[in-house]
Amino acid sequence: MNPYESPEACCQFCESLHFPALSPDQLVSLNAPLDGIEFQLATKQLKLAKAPGPNGLGTEFYKILQELIVSLFVQMADMIWDTQVTGSSLNHVYITVLPKHGKNAKLVSSYKLISLLSQDIKILASILASQLGCFLPQLIHPDQIGCVERSTVAVYNYSYKDPLVPKMKDKEDLKGRDPAIWHIGLKIAWDIKTPGLAVPLYPGDSYFMLDDLNMTHQHCVLSGLQPRFSSTHRVAESSTGTLEYIFARCQVALQNSEKKTDSGIIILKSLEGTLIEQVEKIHNEVEFEWLRQFWFQGNRYRKCSNWWHQPMMKLEDFWKEMEVMTHVVLCEARKVECPVEKRHEIINYILPSLTERQELRKEWIDRCRSVSSCAQEGLSETCVQLMMRHAND
């Protein structure tokens, strides 16, 4: 299905995707009426000395009179929510062009645009962003946390010795930082009395800005004489993204299985509902967060990811064992001698994971039309056959 064929195809494609969702209780909390305290917190974050928007009211008006207008603002927000209609001033924006100093006034590129929004819409947006920010880590994958507040920022630094750069003499007589070496300058944003720090950056050094450091400190790079390369990245939360972690999770799941020495048949040690549910969640995690994500890259990254092939094959073996465990659980639930209460317990605990697995496998099959095309992408043929067979069960 090509989502670009028509708007209907695009909607159908989006509906077929499986995005993380909030629980009913979280939705109730998110859709709760606006609180006056939220308005006061949002107005405190407004910056002073800013040009007013279309309604002519600047930030000073809201900061000074917030106690008097809080009830009016809450009423306005409730009316917008009930009617789904905003006032005309909220939808207006003033776009002003300012000439750049020393540039040719006849060129469009010599002007910069400034958009002036109403302070009301800024406050509403700030409140909504604050409410949604509590749930973003749950909705966004750990590898895509660029818009998550207080996510870690890493800066990797490398400088090398350039023979053309003259050497500094009499380093012992230098006061302060060595100008030949790159430094990172760091200072508390609101503290004007305490001097800042200048930490040297040697080749291969990296530094990490954790939690709210970006919000509470000012930092900059102080240049040295040597050529320097650096790259800045948002760092993903990786506690659940290591081989050690996923192998340990597999061992937890496989502890509930036992292979008979005489026949080699796998049996389950326990049919406890919570234990079965845990195994099936690990099963899904291995298949969709590891195997599918890795093998789907296929031959395109084979050269740079060849080290991973052996551990991923081991992980695929674990996945096959968990497939057998799922089959054993379903066979036990189908047995005539299985008590009705126990059968219902097993179904209630295993059904959500199986439903999610079936939907994700169908999505996978849509992307990999045949076993041959999957094999060309690097996915092992056995793995694909098992996925397709179980998706059609």
Protein backbone atom coordinates (compact mmCIF):
# COMPACT_ATOMS: atom_id res chain seq x y z
CA MET A 1 0.00 0.00 0.00
CA ASN A 2 1.37 3.37 -1.08
CA PRO A 3 0.31 6.04 1.47
CA TYR A 4 0.99 8.77 -1.11
CA GLU A 5 -1.65 7.59 -3.61
CA SER A 6 -4.56 9.43 -1.99
CA PRO A 7 -5.66 10.95 1.33
CA GLU A 8 -7.72 7.81 2.00
CA ALA A 9 -4.66 5.61 1.47
CA CYS A 10 -2.67 7.83 3.81
CA CYS A 11 -5.35 7.55 6.52
CA GLN A 12 -5.56 3.79 6.03
CA PHE A 13 -1.79 3.50 6.31
CA CYS A 14 -1.70 5.54 9.52
CA GLU A 15 -4.52 3.48 11.04
CA SER A 16 -2.57 0.28 10.33
CA LEU A 17 0.40 1.48 12.38
CA HIS A 18 0.76 0.61 16.04
CA PHE A 19 1.78 3.60 18.09
CA PRO A 20 2.25 3.68 21.86
CA ALA A 21 -0.92 4.80 23.62
CA LEU A 22 -1.79 6.29 26.97
CA SER A 23 -3.91 4.43 29.48
CA PRO A 24 -7.50 5.60 30.14
CA ASP A 25 -6.45 7.09 33.49
CA GLN A 26 -3.63 9.01 31.82
CA LEU A 27 -6.02 10.34 29.16
CA VAL A 28 -8.39 11.53 31.87
CA SER A 29 -5.50 13.31 33.58
CA LEU A 30 -4.36 14.86 30.30
CA ASN A 31 -7.87 16.07 29.41
CA ALA A 32 -8.62 17.48 32.86
CA PRO A 33 -9.83 21.11 33.02
CA LEU A 34 -7.18 23.79 33.13
CA ASP A 35 -5.92 24.66 36.61
CA GLY A 36 -5.13 28.18 37.74
CA ILE A 37 -1.81 26.97 39.12
CA GLU A 38 -0.79 25.86 35.63
CA PHE A 39 -1.54 29.36 34.35
CA GLN A 40 0.60 30.95 37.05
CA LEU A 41 3.52 28.61 36.34
CA ALA A 42 3.29 29.36 32.62
CA THR A 43 3.26 33.13 33.15
CA LYS A 44 6.36 32.90 35.33
CA GLN A 45 8.23 31.39 32.38
CA LEU A 46 7.38 34.31 30.06
CA LYS A 47 10.34 36.50 29.19
CA LEU A 48 10.16 40.23 29.81
CA ALA A 49 10.81 43.04 27.32
CA LYS A 50 9.15 41.19 24.45
CA ALA A 51 7.03 42.87 21.80
CA PRO A 52 3.28 42.29 22.27
CA GLY A 53 1.21 40.29 19.82
CA PRO A 54 -1.97 41.24 17.94
CA ASN A 55 -3.94 41.96 21.14
CA GLY A 56 -1.38 44.54 22.25
CA LEU A 57 -0.78 42.93 25.66
CA GLY A 58 2.83 42.27 26.59
CA THR A 59 4.28 39.79 29.06
CA GLU A 60 4.37 42.42 31.81
CA PHE A 61 0.55 42.59 31.77
CA TYR A 62 0.25 38.87 32.51
CA LYS A 63 3.01 38.77 35.10
CA ILE A 64 1.80 41.74 37.13
CA LEU A 65 -1.94 41.03 36.93
CA GLN A 66 -1.88 37.23 36.93
CA GLU A 67 -3.89 36.94 40.16
CA LEU A 68 -6.66 39.13 38.69
CA ILE A 69 -6.88 37.50 35.27
CA VAL A 70 -6.32 33.85 36.18
CA SER A 71 -10.05 33.11 36.49
CA LEU A 72 -10.79 34.83 33.17
CA PHE A 73 -8.04 32.87 31.44
CA VAL A 74 -9.33 29.56 32.84
CA GLN A 75 -12.85 30.42 31.61
CA MET A 76 -11.47 31.20 28.16
CA ALA A 77 -9.57 27.89 28.04
CA ASP A 78 -12.69 25.95 29.11
CA MET A 79 -14.76 27.71 26.43
CA ILE A 80 -12.19 26.83 23.76
CA TRP A 81 -12.24 23.20 24.89
CA ASP A 82 -16.05 23.00 24.92
CA THR A 83 -16.69 24.80 21.62
CA GLN A 84 -13.50 23.75 19.79
CA VAL A 85 -13.30 27.35 18.54
CA THR A 86 -10.63 29.90 19.40
CA GLY A 87 -11.00 33.65 19.45
CA SER A 88 -9.94 35.61 16.39
CA SER A 89 -7.00 37.26 18.15
CA LEU A 90 -5.56 33.86 19.09
CA ASN A 91 -5.37 32.87 15.42
CA HIS A 92 -3.68 36.07 14.27
CA VAL A 93 0.04 36.64 13.97
CA TYR A 94 1.98 39.75 13.03
CA ILE A 95 4.91 39.07 10.70
CA THR A 96 7.41 41.91 10.60
CA VAL A 97 10.53 42.22 8.49
CA LEU A 98 13.62 43.88 9.93
CA PRO A 99 16.56 44.95 7.75
CA LYS A 100 19.93 43.42 8.51
CA HIS A 101 22.64 45.93 9.29
CA GLY A 102 24.96 46.69 6.38
CA LYS A 103 23.02 44.58 3.85
CA ASN A 104 21.59 45.56 0.48
CA ALA A 105 18.02 46.70 1.18
CA LYS A 106 16.91 45.61 -2.31
CA LEU A 107 17.51 41.92 -1.58
CA VAL A 108 14.98 39.72 0.21
CA SER A 109 17.82 37.91 2.00
CA SER A 110 18.76 41.21 3.66
CA TYR A 111 15.73 41.02 5.94
CA LYS A 112 14.85 38.76 8.84
CA LEU A 113 11.30 37.80 9.75
CA ILE A 114 9.84 38.16 13.23
CA SER A 115 6.48 36.57 14.06
CA LEU A 116 4.54 38.16 16.91
CA LEU A 117 2.03 35.79 18.53
CA SER A 118 -0.59 36.58 21.11
CA GLN A 119 0.61 35.97 24.67
CA ASP A 120 -2.58 34.00 25.32
CA ILE A 121 -1.68 31.35 22.75
CA LYS A 122 1.88 31.21 24.09
CA ILE A 123 0.58 30.52 27.60
CA LEU A 124 -1.86 27.87 26.35
CA ALA A 125 0.89 26.16 24.34
CA SER A 126 3.21 26.22 27.35
CA ILE A 127 0.56 24.59 29.55
CA LEU A 128 -0.21 21.88 26.98
CA ALA A 129 3.48 21.17 26.45
CA SER A 130 4.01 20.88 30.20
CA GLN A 131 1.09 18.45 30.55
CA LEU A 132 2.21 16.29 27.65
CA GLY A 133 5.85 16.35 28.77
CA CYS A 134 5.03 14.02 31.67
CA PHE A 135 4.02 11.28 29.21
CA LEU A 136 6.57 11.80 26.41
CA PRO A 137 9.10 9.22 27.73
CA GLN A 138 6.32 6.63 27.55
CA LEU A 139 5.25 7.57 24.02
CA ILE A 140 8.66 8.13 22.41
CA HIS A 141 11.13 5.34 21.72
CA PRO A 142 14.41 5.66 23.70
CA ASP A 143 16.30 6.07 20.40
CA GLN A 144 14.25 9.15 19.47
CA ILE A 145 14.35 11.33 22.56
CA GLY A 146 15.47 14.60 21.00
CA CYS A 147 12.29 16.39 22.11
CA VAL A 148 12.19 14.87 25.59
CA GLU A 149 13.02 17.46 28.21
CA ARG A 150 16.26 16.93 30.15
CA SER A 151 17.50 14.17 27.85
CA THR A 152 21.28 13.80 27.91
CA VAL A 153 23.40 15.68 25.36
CA ALA A 154 26.83 14.25 24.53
CA VAL A 155 29.67 16.17 22.84
CA TYR A 156 32.54 14.12 21.40
CA ASN A 157 35.77 16.01 20.87
CA TYR A 158 38.98 15.28 19.01
CA SER A 159 41.92 17.59 18.31
CA TYR A 160 45.24 16.62 16.77
CA LYS A 161 48.68 18.12 16.73
CA ASP A 162 49.35 20.27 13.70
CA PRO A 163 53.08 20.61 12.91
CA LEU A 164 52.38 23.99 11.29
CA VAL A 165 51.06 25.48 14.54
CA PRO A 166 53.88 27.20 16.47
CA LYS A 167 54.63 25.82 19.90
CA MET A 168 53.92 27.94 22.93
CA LYS A 169 56.96 29.07 24.91
CA ASP A 170 57.29 29.65 28.62
CA LYS A 171 54.12 27.74 29.57
CA GLU A 172 55.11 28.08 33.20
CA ASP A 173 54.59 31.86 32.93
CA LEU A 174 51.04 31.49 31.60
CA LYS A 175 48.25 32.68 33.86
CA GLY A 176 44.79 31.21 33.51
CA ARG A 177 44.04 28.68 30.81
CA ASP A 178 46.56 27.49 28.25
CA PRO A 179 45.53 29.19 24.96
CA ALA A 180 46.96 26.32 22.93
CA ILE A 181 44.43 23.83 24.36
CA TRP A 182 40.71 23.78 23.70
CA HIS A 183 38.53 24.26 26.79
CA ILE A 184 34.88 24.04 27.74
CA GLY A 185 33.65 27.09 29.64
CA LEU A 186 30.93 26.49 32.24
CA LYS A 187 29.06 28.92 34.46
CA ILE A 188 25.87 28.97 36.53
CA ALA A 189 23.41 31.06 34.55
CA TRP A 190 22.06 33.31 37.32
CA ASP A 191 25.23 33.60 39.42
CA ILE A 192 27.10 36.74 38.33
CA LYS A 193 29.58 36.74 41.21
CA THR A 194 31.11 33.27 41.04
CA PRO A 195 33.64 32.98 38.18
CA GLY A 196 33.13 30.28 35.60
CA LEU A 197 35.23 27.19 34.99
CA ALA A 198 37.46 26.44 32.00
CA VAL A 199 37.96 22.68 31.72
CA PRO A 200 40.60 21.50 29.22
CA LEU A 201 39.53 19.27 26.33
CA TYR A 202 42.23 16.82 25.30
CA PRO A 203 42.09 14.63 22.16
CA GLY A 204 39.41 11.96 22.58
CA ASP A 205 37.67 13.68 25.50
CA SER A 206 33.88 13.84 25.63
CA TYR A 207 31.51 15.54 27.99
CA PHE A 208 27.85 14.98 28.80
CA MET A 209 25.23 17.53 29.74
CA LEU A 210 22.92 15.66 32.09
CA ASP A 211 19.39 16.38 33.27
CA ASP A 212 18.75 20.15 33.64
CA LEU A 213 22.33 21.39 33.06
CA ASN A 214 21.27 23.11 29.83
CA MET A 215 18.56 24.95 31.74
CA THR A 216 20.69 26.08 34.69
CA HIS A 217 24.16 26.65 33.21
CA GLN A 218 25.78 28.56 30.40
CA HIS A 219 28.50 26.77 28.48
CA CYS A 220 30.68 27.43 25.46
CA VAL A 221 33.79 26.07 23.77
CA LEU A 222 36.97 28.15 24.14
CA SER A 223 39.14 27.68 21.06
CA GLY A 224 42.75 26.53 21.09
CA LEU A 225 45.46 26.48 18.44
CA GLN A 226 45.10 22.88 17.29
CA PRO A 227 42.52 21.80 14.66
CA ARG A 228 39.49 20.25 16.34
CA PHE A 229 36.56 18.09 15.29
CA SER A 230 33.47 17.58 17.42
CA SER A 231 29.98 16.12 17.15
CA THR A 232 26.96 16.69 19.36
CA HIS A 233 24.31 14.03 19.93
CA ARG A 234 21.24 13.36 21.99
CA VAL A 235 22.04 10.24 23.99
CA ALA A 236 19.44 7.49 24.05
CA GLU A 237 18.51 5.81 27.30
CA SER A 238 20.41 2.54 26.88
CA SER A 239 19.72 0.49 30.01
CA THR A 240 17.38 -1.73 27.95
CA GLY A 241 19.46 -1.64 24.79
CA THR A 242 22.44 -3.85 25.59
CA LEU A 243 23.15 -7.49 24.80
CA GLU A 244 23.75 -8.16 28.48
CA TYR A 245 20.27 -6.87 29.25
CA ILE A 246 18.39 -8.82 26.56
CA PHE A 247 20.32 -12.05 27.19
CA ALA A 248 19.44 -11.78 30.88
CA ARG A 249 15.79 -11.24 29.93
CA CYS A 250 15.89 -14.36 27.75
CA GLN A 251 17.32 -16.41 30.61
CA VAL A 252 14.48 -15.23 32.84
CA ALA A 253 11.94 -16.39 30.25
CA LEU A 254 13.64 -19.73 29.57
CA GLN A 255 13.81 -20.59 33.26
CA ASN A 256 10.20 -21.69 32.99
CA SER A 257 11.04 -24.33 30.37
CA GLU A 258 12.62 -27.74 30.76
CA LYS A 259 13.71 -30.21 28.07
CA LYS A 260 13.19 -33.92 28.69
CA THR A 261 16.46 -35.79 28.34
CA ASP A 262 14.92 -38.90 26.77
CA SER A 263 12.65 -37.31 24.15
CA GLY A 264 13.94 -33.75 23.91
CA ILE A 265 10.40 -32.39 24.31
CA ILE A 266 10.12 -29.00 26.02
CA ILE A 267 7.71 -28.76 28.96
CA LEU A 268 6.79 -25.86 31.22
CA LYS A 269 7.62 -25.84 34.91
CA SER A 270 4.68 -23.58 35.80
CA LEU A 271 1.45 -22.33 34.23
CA GLU A 272 1.10 -19.41 36.62
CA GLY A 273 -0.56 -16.51 34.82
CA THR A 274 1.88 -13.76 35.78
CA LEU A 275 4.85 -15.93 34.79
CA ILE A 276 3.31 -16.75 31.40
CA GLU A 277 2.59 -13.06 30.82
CA GLN A 278 6.21 -12.14 31.62
CA VAL A 279 7.55 -14.75 29.18
CA GLU A 280 5.30 -13.53 26.36
CA LYS A 281 6.30 -9.89 26.90
CA ILE A 282 9.97 -10.89 26.69
CA HIS A 283 9.09 -12.92 23.59
CA ASN A 284 7.68 -9.80 21.90
CA GLU A 285 10.59 -7.66 23.02
CA VAL A 286 13.13 -10.05 21.49
CA GLU A 287 11.25 -10.39 18.22
CA PHE A 288 10.25 -6.78 17.53
CA GLU A 289 12.82 -4.67 19.39
CA TRP A 290 15.83 -6.79 18.48
CA LEU A 291 15.46 -9.40 15.73
CA ARG A 292 13.21 -7.41 13.44
CA GLN A 293 15.03 -4.12 14.00
CA PHE A 294 18.43 -5.72 13.34
CA TRP A 295 17.74 -8.04 10.43
CA PHE A 296 15.61 -5.51 8.60
CA GLN A 297 18.76 -3.46 7.97
CA GLY A 298 19.99 -6.43 5.96
CA ASN A 299 22.82 -6.31 3.46
CA ARG A 300 22.98 -2.51 3.48
CA TYR A 301 24.88 -2.49 6.78
CA ARG A 302 26.39 -5.96 6.72
CA LYS A 303 29.99 -4.72 6.56
CA CYS A 304 29.69 -2.36 9.50
CA SER A 305 27.53 -4.66 11.65
CA ASN A 306 29.11 -8.06 11.03
CA TRP A 307 30.18 -8.37 14.68
CA TRP A 308 26.50 -8.48 15.67
CA HIS A 309 25.60 -11.46 13.50
CA GLN A 310 26.77 -14.12 15.96
CA PRO A 311 25.00 -12.71 19.04
CA MET A 312 21.86 -12.06 16.98
CA MET A 313 21.84 -15.68 15.80
CA LYS A 314 22.08 -16.71 19.44
CA LEU A 315 19.18 -14.40 20.21
CA GLU A 316 17.22 -16.00 17.38
CA ASP A 317 17.77 -19.41 19.00
CA PHE A 318 16.32 -18.05 22.24
CA TRP A 319 13.37 -16.70 20.26
CA LYS A 320 12.70 -20.14 18.74
CA GLU A 321 12.62 -21.69 22.21
CA MET A 322 10.11 -19.07 23.32
CA GLU A 323 8.01 -19.86 20.24
CA VAL A 324 7.87 -23.48 21.41
CA MET A 325 6.95 -22.34 24.93
CA THR A 326 4.03 -20.33 23.53
CA HIS A 327 2.86 -23.40 21.60
CA VAL A 328 3.07 -25.52 24.77
CA VAL A 329 1.00 -22.99 26.74
CA LEU A 330 -1.72 -23.00 24.07
CA CYS A 331 -1.73 -26.81 23.99
CA GLU A 332 -2.15 -26.95 27.77
CA ALA A 333 -5.07 -24.51 27.58
CA ARG A 334 -6.76 -26.65 24.89
CA LYS A 335 -6.60 -29.88 26.89
CA VAL A 336 -9.97 -31.24 27.97
CA GLU A 337 -8.74 -31.98 31.50
CA CYS A 338 -7.66 -28.34 31.99
CA PRO A 339 -10.04 -26.68 34.50
CA VAL A 340 -12.20 -23.91 33.05
CA GLU A 341 -10.93 -21.37 35.60
CA LYS A 342 -7.31 -22.18 34.75
CA ARG A 343 -8.03 -21.98 31.02
CA HIS A 344 -9.59 -18.53 31.44
CA GLU A 345 -6.62 -17.39 33.54
CA ILE A 346 -4.14 -18.50 30.88
CA ILE A 347 -6.12 -16.80 28.11
CA ASN A 348 -6.47 -13.54 30.03
CA TYR A 349 -2.74 -13.34 30.67
CA ILE A 350 -1.50 -14.46 27.25
CA LEU A 351 -4.06 -12.89 24.90
CA PRO A 352 -2.80 -9.24 24.95
CA SER A 353 0.75 -10.28 24.01
CA LEU A 354 -0.46 -12.68 21.31
CA THR A 355 -2.76 -10.04 19.82
CA GLU A 356 0.04 -7.50 19.68
CA ARG A 357 2.37 -10.09 18.16
CA GLN A 358 -0.08 -11.07 15.45
CA GLU A 359 -0.71 -7.44 14.45
CA LEU A 360 3.00 -6.61 14.33
CA ARG A 361 3.76 -9.73 12.31
CA LYS A 362 1.13 -8.82 9.74
CA GLU A 363 2.73 -5.41 9.48
CA TRP A 364 6.09 -7.14 9.00
CA ILE A 365 4.72 -9.39 6.25
CA ASP A 366 3.34 -6.35 4.43
CA ARG A 367 6.87 -4.98 4.30
CA CYS A 368 8.44 -8.30 3.35
CA ARG A 369 6.18 -9.73 0.66
CA SER A 370 7.88 -13.09 0.33
CA VAL A 371 10.50 -15.30 1.94
CA SER A 372 12.89 -14.59 -0.90
CA SER A 373 12.65 -10.81 -0.54
CA CYS A 374 13.22 -11.13 3.20
CA ALA A 375 16.23 -13.33 2.62
CA GLN A 376 17.65 -10.70 0.29
CA GLU A 377 17.34 -8.17 3.09
CA GLY A 378 19.42 -10.38 5.34
CA LEU A 379 16.70 -12.06 7.46
CA SER A 380 17.31 -15.75 7.99
CA GLU A 381 14.87 -17.91 6.02
CA THR A 382 13.91 -20.03 9.03
CA CYS A 383 13.06 -16.94 11.05
CA VAL A 384 10.86 -15.53 8.27
CA GLN A 385 9.02 -18.81 7.73
CA LEU A 386 8.20 -19.08 11.42
CA MET A 387 6.99 -15.48 11.54
CA MET A 388 4.76 -15.94 8.50
CA ARG A 389 3.36 -19.25 9.69
CA HIS A 390 2.46 -17.93 13.13
CA ALA A 391 1.07 -14.68 11.75
CA ASN A 392 -1.45 -16.70 9.74
CA ASP A 393 -2.46 -18.92 12.68
